[in-house]
């Protein structure tokens, strides 16, 4: 069930990414993060109250690190999305499940199966292949890779939080804390978006909130590496969006590297489907 939730979250995240690219570089990545969270807060607060959930998580220290890593991942990915083709950006970003699989034993004590190392090796090879054509946008490509590493850590923090807190409360706390932290950088030099940008940013907030809820539910119901691998569906949709709206066709090496990453992800999913695990007792 966790994989299904992650597939639905992938649709939301791919659409959010396309909307961010449509906004363009006229607004700073940090301001986009701030507005994306600010717009989402009222909706998430309403859902928390309707579900009669507490406003704050129990594991506050874990939530703090989840927010820092998540904020870094969003800022970096938003910068990359507005400075390089959508597909190449998402190919690089899709490396986070591989990094997650490497870090899971140390961060949350979740064992990475021996067979998963084949997938990790294939995926990291894919990242190396993709980075060659991505060097046409050197700063953006390296920022995208750094954002992918931060995203992996943020996902692992979500996994830990799911042991004690409702997914909805986790998402609400993350969104609220990110808005507060980014406001210190954004408000002194705030650039007012025009109407079209407000419409696009509102869509970003909507799809981001729904995607976060679905992703958190996914991690509640399955192991971290397998759930993150299902997120590769975001890449497929991003290639389609990039071609339809911007006429972008990925470099042949990007296809090769992306294929290796997706193949590694599918291997992890296949390995995970052979294991049955009970669902968490914490509900949304």
Protein backbone atom coordinates (compact mmCIF):
# COMPACT_ATOMS: atom_id res chain seq x y z
CA UNK A 1 0.00 0.00 0.00
CA UNK A 2 2.90 2.34 0.70
CA UNK A 3 4.07 2.10 -2.91
CA UNK A 4 0.60 3.09 -4.19
CA UNK A 5 0.57 6.17 -1.96
CA UNK A 6 4.03 7.11 -3.23
CA UNK A 7 2.92 6.77 -6.86
CA UNK A 8 0.08 9.20 -6.19
CA UNK A 9 2.49 11.53 -4.40
CA UNK A 10 4.74 11.35 -7.46
CA UNK A 11 1.98 12.74 -9.66
CA UNK A 12 1.62 15.68 -7.26
CA UNK A 13 5.36 16.32 -7.07
CA UNK A 14 5.86 16.14 -10.85
CA UNK A 15 3.04 18.63 -11.36
CA UNK A 16 4.47 20.87 -8.63
CA UNK A 17 7.90 20.77 -10.31
CA UNK A 18 6.43 21.74 -13.67
CA UNK A 19 4.62 24.67 -12.05
CA UNK A 20 7.84 25.83 -10.36
CA UNK A 21 9.64 25.77 -13.71
CA UNK A 22 6.76 27.74 -15.23
CA UNK A 23 7.19 30.45 -12.57
CA UNK A 24 10.75 30.98 -13.83
CA UNK A 25 13.85 32.52 -12.24
CA UNK A 26 12.22 35.91 -11.65
CA UNK A 27 11.47 34.92 -8.04
CA UNK A 28 14.25 33.55 -5.81
CA UNK A 29 14.13 29.86 -4.80
CA UNK A 30 13.93 30.82 -1.11
CA UNK A 31 10.94 33.06 -1.76
CA UNK A 32 9.27 30.26 -3.71
CA UNK A 33 9.79 27.93 -0.75
CA UNK A 34 8.36 30.55 1.61
CA UNK A 35 5.26 31.18 -0.53
CA UNK A 36 4.72 27.47 -1.23
CA UNK A 37 4.60 26.83 2.53
CA UNK A 38 2.66 29.97 3.44
CA UNK A 39 -0.11 29.09 0.99
CA UNK A 40 -0.31 25.53 2.32
CA UNK A 41 -0.55 26.39 6.02
CA UNK A 42 -4.29 27.31 6.21
CA UNK A 43 -5.36 24.16 4.36
CA UNK A 44 -3.17 21.89 6.47
CA UNK A 45 -4.26 23.60 9.70
CA UNK A 46 -7.90 23.02 8.75
CA UNK A 47 -7.27 19.33 8.13
CA UNK A 48 -5.41 18.95 11.43
CA UNK A 49 -8.30 20.50 13.36
CA UNK A 50 -10.96 18.52 11.47
CA UNK A 51 -9.11 15.29 12.26
CA UNK A 52 -8.73 16.45 15.90
CA UNK A 53 -5.00 15.90 15.88
CA UNK A 54 -2.45 17.72 18.08
CA UNK A 55 -0.79 20.74 16.54
CA UNK A 56 2.75 19.68 17.43
CA UNK A 57 4.75 16.48 17.02
CA UNK A 58 6.13 14.66 20.02
CA UNK A 59 9.66 14.24 18.65
CA UNK A 60 10.47 17.93 18.30
CA UNK A 61 14.21 17.46 17.79
CA UNK A 62 13.64 15.03 14.92
CA UNK A 63 11.13 17.46 13.41
CA UNK A 64 13.70 20.23 13.54
CA UNK A 65 16.23 18.23 11.52
CA UNK A 66 13.51 17.06 9.15
CA UNK A 67 12.69 20.73 8.53
CA UNK A 68 16.30 21.76 7.95
CA UNK A 69 16.96 18.96 5.48
CA UNK A 70 13.61 19.45 3.78
CA UNK A 71 14.12 23.20 3.47
CA UNK A 72 17.58 22.66 1.93
CA UNK A 73 16.18 20.08 -0.48
CA UNK A 74 13.32 22.33 -1.60
CA UNK A 75 15.48 25.42 -2.04
CA UNK A 76 18.08 23.53 -4.04
CA UNK A 77 15.58 21.72 -6.23
CA UNK A 78 13.61 24.93 -6.91
CA UNK A 79 16.83 26.64 -8.03
CA UNK A 80 17.71 23.74 -10.32
CA UNK A 81 14.21 23.55 -11.79
CA UNK A 82 14.36 27.18 -12.90
CA UNK A 83 17.90 26.95 -14.34
CA UNK A 84 18.04 23.65 -16.26
CA UNK A 85 15.74 21.36 -18.29
CA UNK A 86 13.03 19.65 -16.26
CA UNK A 87 13.89 16.06 -17.21
CA UNK A 88 17.64 16.35 -16.47
CA UNK A 89 16.85 18.01 -13.15
CA UNK A 90 14.45 15.25 -12.16
CA UNK A 91 16.85 12.53 -13.33
CA UNK A 92 19.47 13.87 -10.93
CA UNK A 93 16.91 14.40 -8.18
CA UNK A 94 15.75 10.81 -8.50
CA UNK A 95 19.04 9.63 -7.02
CA UNK A 96 17.77 10.31 -3.49
CA UNK A 97 16.43 6.75 -2.91
CA UNK A 98 19.93 5.42 -3.59
CA UNK A 99 21.42 7.80 -1.06
CA UNK A 100 18.57 6.93 1.29
CA UNK A 101 19.36 3.22 0.99
CA UNK A 102 22.97 3.91 1.85
CA UNK A 103 22.07 6.00 4.91
CA UNK A 104 19.07 4.05 6.25
CA UNK A 105 21.10 1.55 8.35
CA UNK A 106 22.94 4.38 10.14
CA UNK A 107 20.10 6.88 10.57
CA UNK A 108 17.07 4.72 11.38
CA UNK A 109 18.62 1.26 11.85
CA UNK A 110 16.83 -0.16 8.81
CA UNK A 111 18.84 -2.92 7.15
CA UNK A 112 19.57 -2.60 3.45
CA UNK A 113 19.21 -6.08 1.86
CA UNK A 114 22.31 -7.50 0.22
CA UNK A 115 20.57 -7.67 -3.13
CA UNK A 116 19.83 -3.93 -2.93
CA UNK A 117 23.51 -3.15 -3.44
CA UNK A 118 23.08 -4.15 -7.09
CA UNK A 119 20.40 -1.50 -7.44
CA UNK A 120 22.53 1.06 -5.61
CA UNK A 121 25.52 0.40 -7.86
CA UNK A 122 23.38 0.65 -11.01
CA UNK A 123 21.75 3.85 -9.81
CA UNK A 124 24.99 5.58 -8.83
CA UNK A 125 26.45 4.64 -12.21
CA UNK A 126 23.38 6.26 -13.75
CA UNK A 127 23.97 9.44 -11.74
CA UNK A 128 27.56 9.60 -13.00
CA UNK A 129 26.38 9.18 -16.61
CA UNK A 130 23.69 11.87 -16.26
CA UNK A 131 26.07 14.39 -14.73
CA UNK A 132 28.11 14.58 -17.95
CA UNK A 133 25.42 16.23 -20.13
CA UNK A 134 24.13 18.08 -17.07
CA UNK A 135 27.43 19.94 -16.89
CA UNK A 136 25.97 22.26 -19.52
CA UNK A 137 24.36 23.79 -16.41
CA UNK A 138 27.19 23.16 -13.90
CA UNK A 139 25.90 25.15 -10.92
CA UNK A 140 22.32 23.98 -11.29
CA UNK A 141 23.30 20.33 -11.73
CA UNK A 142 25.48 20.24 -8.62
CA UNK A 143 22.80 22.05 -6.64
CA UNK A 144 20.29 19.44 -7.83
CA UNK A 145 22.58 16.64 -6.62
CA UNK A 146 23.02 18.32 -3.23
CA UNK A 147 19.27 18.75 -2.95
CA UNK A 148 18.86 15.05 -3.65
CA UNK A 149 21.13 14.17 -0.72
CA UNK A 150 19.23 16.55 1.57
CA UNK A 151 15.95 15.01 0.39
CA UNK A 152 17.19 11.55 1.34
CA UNK A 153 17.92 12.70 4.88
CA UNK A 154 14.54 14.45 5.11
CA UNK A 155 12.77 11.24 4.07
CA UNK A 156 14.62 9.27 6.72
CA UNK A 157 13.55 11.79 9.35
CA UNK A 158 9.95 11.30 8.19
CA UNK A 159 10.39 7.57 8.70
CA UNK A 160 11.48 8.14 12.30
CA UNK A 161 8.67 10.60 13.00
CA UNK A 162 6.06 8.15 11.77
CA UNK A 163 6.78 5.95 14.78
CA UNK A 164 5.28 8.53 17.14
CA UNK A 165 3.23 11.05 15.21
CA UNK A 166 0.41 11.39 12.70
CA UNK A 167 1.51 12.01 9.09
CA UNK A 168 -0.81 15.01 8.88
CA UNK A 169 0.77 16.62 11.96
CA UNK A 170 4.25 15.95 10.55
CA UNK A 171 3.39 17.67 7.28
CA UNK A 172 1.76 20.62 9.06
CA UNK A 173 4.73 21.12 11.38
CA UNK A 174 7.21 20.91 8.53
CA UNK A 175 5.29 23.45 6.45
CA UNK A 176 4.84 25.88 9.34
CA UNK A 177 8.45 25.69 10.52
CA UNK A 178 9.80 26.09 6.99
CA UNK A 179 7.65 29.18 6.44
CA UNK A 180 8.92 30.71 9.70
CA UNK A 181 12.59 29.94 9.04
CA UNK A 182 12.58 31.15 5.41
CA UNK A 183 10.71 34.35 6.33
CA UNK A 184 13.86 35.76 7.96
CA UNK A 185 15.63 35.68 4.57
CA UNK A 186 12.68 36.46 2.33
CA UNK A 187 10.68 39.29 3.91
CA UNK A 188 13.41 42.00 3.93
CA UNK A 189 13.73 41.81 0.13
CA UNK A 190 10.35 40.37 -0.81
CA UNK A 191 9.48 40.54 -4.54
CA UNK A 192 5.73 40.73 -5.16
CA UNK A 193 4.65 38.13 -7.77
CA UNK A 194 2.32 39.23 -10.54
CA UNK A 195 -1.05 37.55 -11.18
CA UNK A 196 0.14 34.68 -13.36
CA UNK A 197 2.89 33.84 -10.87
CA UNK A 198 0.39 33.90 -7.98
CA UNK A 199 -1.79 31.38 -9.83
CA UNK A 200 1.17 29.09 -10.51
CA UNK A 201 2.50 29.39 -6.95
CA UNK A 202 -0.97 28.61 -5.56
CA UNK A 203 -0.94 25.42 -7.61
CA UNK A 204 2.50 24.63 -6.23
CA UNK A 205 1.18 24.96 -2.67
CA UNK A 206 -1.83 22.75 -3.37
CA UNK A 207 0.03 19.92 -5.08
CA UNK A 208 2.92 20.12 -2.62
CA UNK A 209 0.59 19.73 0.39
CA UNK A 210 -1.23 16.77 -1.10
CA UNK A 211 2.03 15.18 -2.18
CA UNK A 212 3.55 15.58 1.29
CA UNK A 213 0.54 13.93 2.94
CA UNK A 214 0.60 11.02 0.49
CA UNK A 215 4.37 10.61 0.85
CA UNK A 216 4.17 10.59 4.63
CA UNK A 217 1.41 7.98 4.50
CA UNK A 218 3.61 5.91 2.21
CA UNK A 219 6.50 5.91 4.68
CA UNK A 220 4.09 4.95 7.44
CA UNK A 221 3.18 1.76 5.59
CA UNK A 222 6.41 0.47 4.08
CA UNK A 223 10.20 0.45 4.31
CA UNK A 224 12.01 3.64 3.33
CA UNK A 225 14.08 2.37 0.33
CA UNK A 226 11.12 0.69 -1.38
CA UNK A 227 8.77 3.64 -0.93
CA UNK A 228 11.35 6.12 -2.21
CA UNK A 229 11.96 3.94 -5.26
CA UNK A 230 8.30 4.17 -6.22
CA UNK A 231 8.88 7.90 -6.45
CA UNK A 232 10.71 7.31 -9.74
CA UNK A 233 7.33 7.71 -11.41
CA UNK A 234 7.90 11.44 -10.92
CA UNK A 235 10.72 11.23 -13.47
CA UNK A 236 8.51 9.68 -16.14
CA UNK A 237 5.89 12.38 -15.74
CA UNK A 238 8.54 15.09 -15.72
CA UNK A 239 9.92 13.92 -19.07
CA UNK A 240 6.39 14.10 -20.48
CA UNK A 241 5.76 17.56 -19.00
CA UNK A 242 9.12 18.83 -20.25
CA UNK A 243 8.44 17.69 -23.79
CA UNK A 244 4.82 18.92 -23.93
CA UNK A 245 5.29 22.36 -22.38
CA UNK A 246 8.91 23.28 -23.17
CA UNK A 247 9.83 21.02 -26.08
CA UNK A 248 12.69 19.53 -24.04
CA UNK A 249 14.23 16.26 -25.22
CA UNK A 250 16.76 14.76 -22.77
CA UNK A 251 20.33 14.15 -23.95
CA UNK A 252 20.97 10.49 -24.97
CA UNK A 253 23.29 10.04 -21.99
CA UNK A 254 20.56 11.35 -19.72
CA UNK A 255 18.27 8.59 -21.01
CA UNK A 256 20.97 5.99 -20.32
CA UNK A 257 21.66 7.29 -16.83
CA UNK A 258 17.98 7.72 -16.05
CA UNK A 259 17.32 4.19 -17.24
CA UNK A 260 19.97 2.85 -14.88
CA UNK A 261 18.49 4.75 -11.93
CA UNK A 262 14.95 3.58 -12.70
CA UNK A 263 16.18 -0.01 -13.17
CA UNK A 264 17.82 0.18 -9.75
CA UNK A 265 14.59 1.49 -8.27
CA UNK A 266 12.54 -1.29 -9.80
CA UNK A 267 15.01 -3.82 -8.40
CA UNK A 268 14.50 -2.40 -4.91
CA UNK A 269 10.72 -2.56 -5.32
CA UNK A 270 10.93 -6.19 -6.50
CA UNK A 271 13.08 -7.05 -3.49
CA UNK A 272 10.64 -5.29 -1.11
CA UNK A 273 7.52 -6.97 -2.50
CA UNK A 274 8.85 -10.31 -1.26
CA UNK A 275 8.55 -9.11 2.35
CA UNK A 276 5.33 -8.63 4.32
CA UNK A 277 5.34 -6.01 7.05
CA UNK A 278 2.51 -4.86 9.32
CA UNK A 279 1.28 -1.29 9.01
CA UNK A 280 2.09 1.34 11.61
CA UNK A 281 -0.43 1.96 14.39
CA UNK A 282 -0.17 5.77 14.01
CA UNK A 283 -2.87 7.09 11.69
CA UNK A 284 -3.30 10.26 9.72
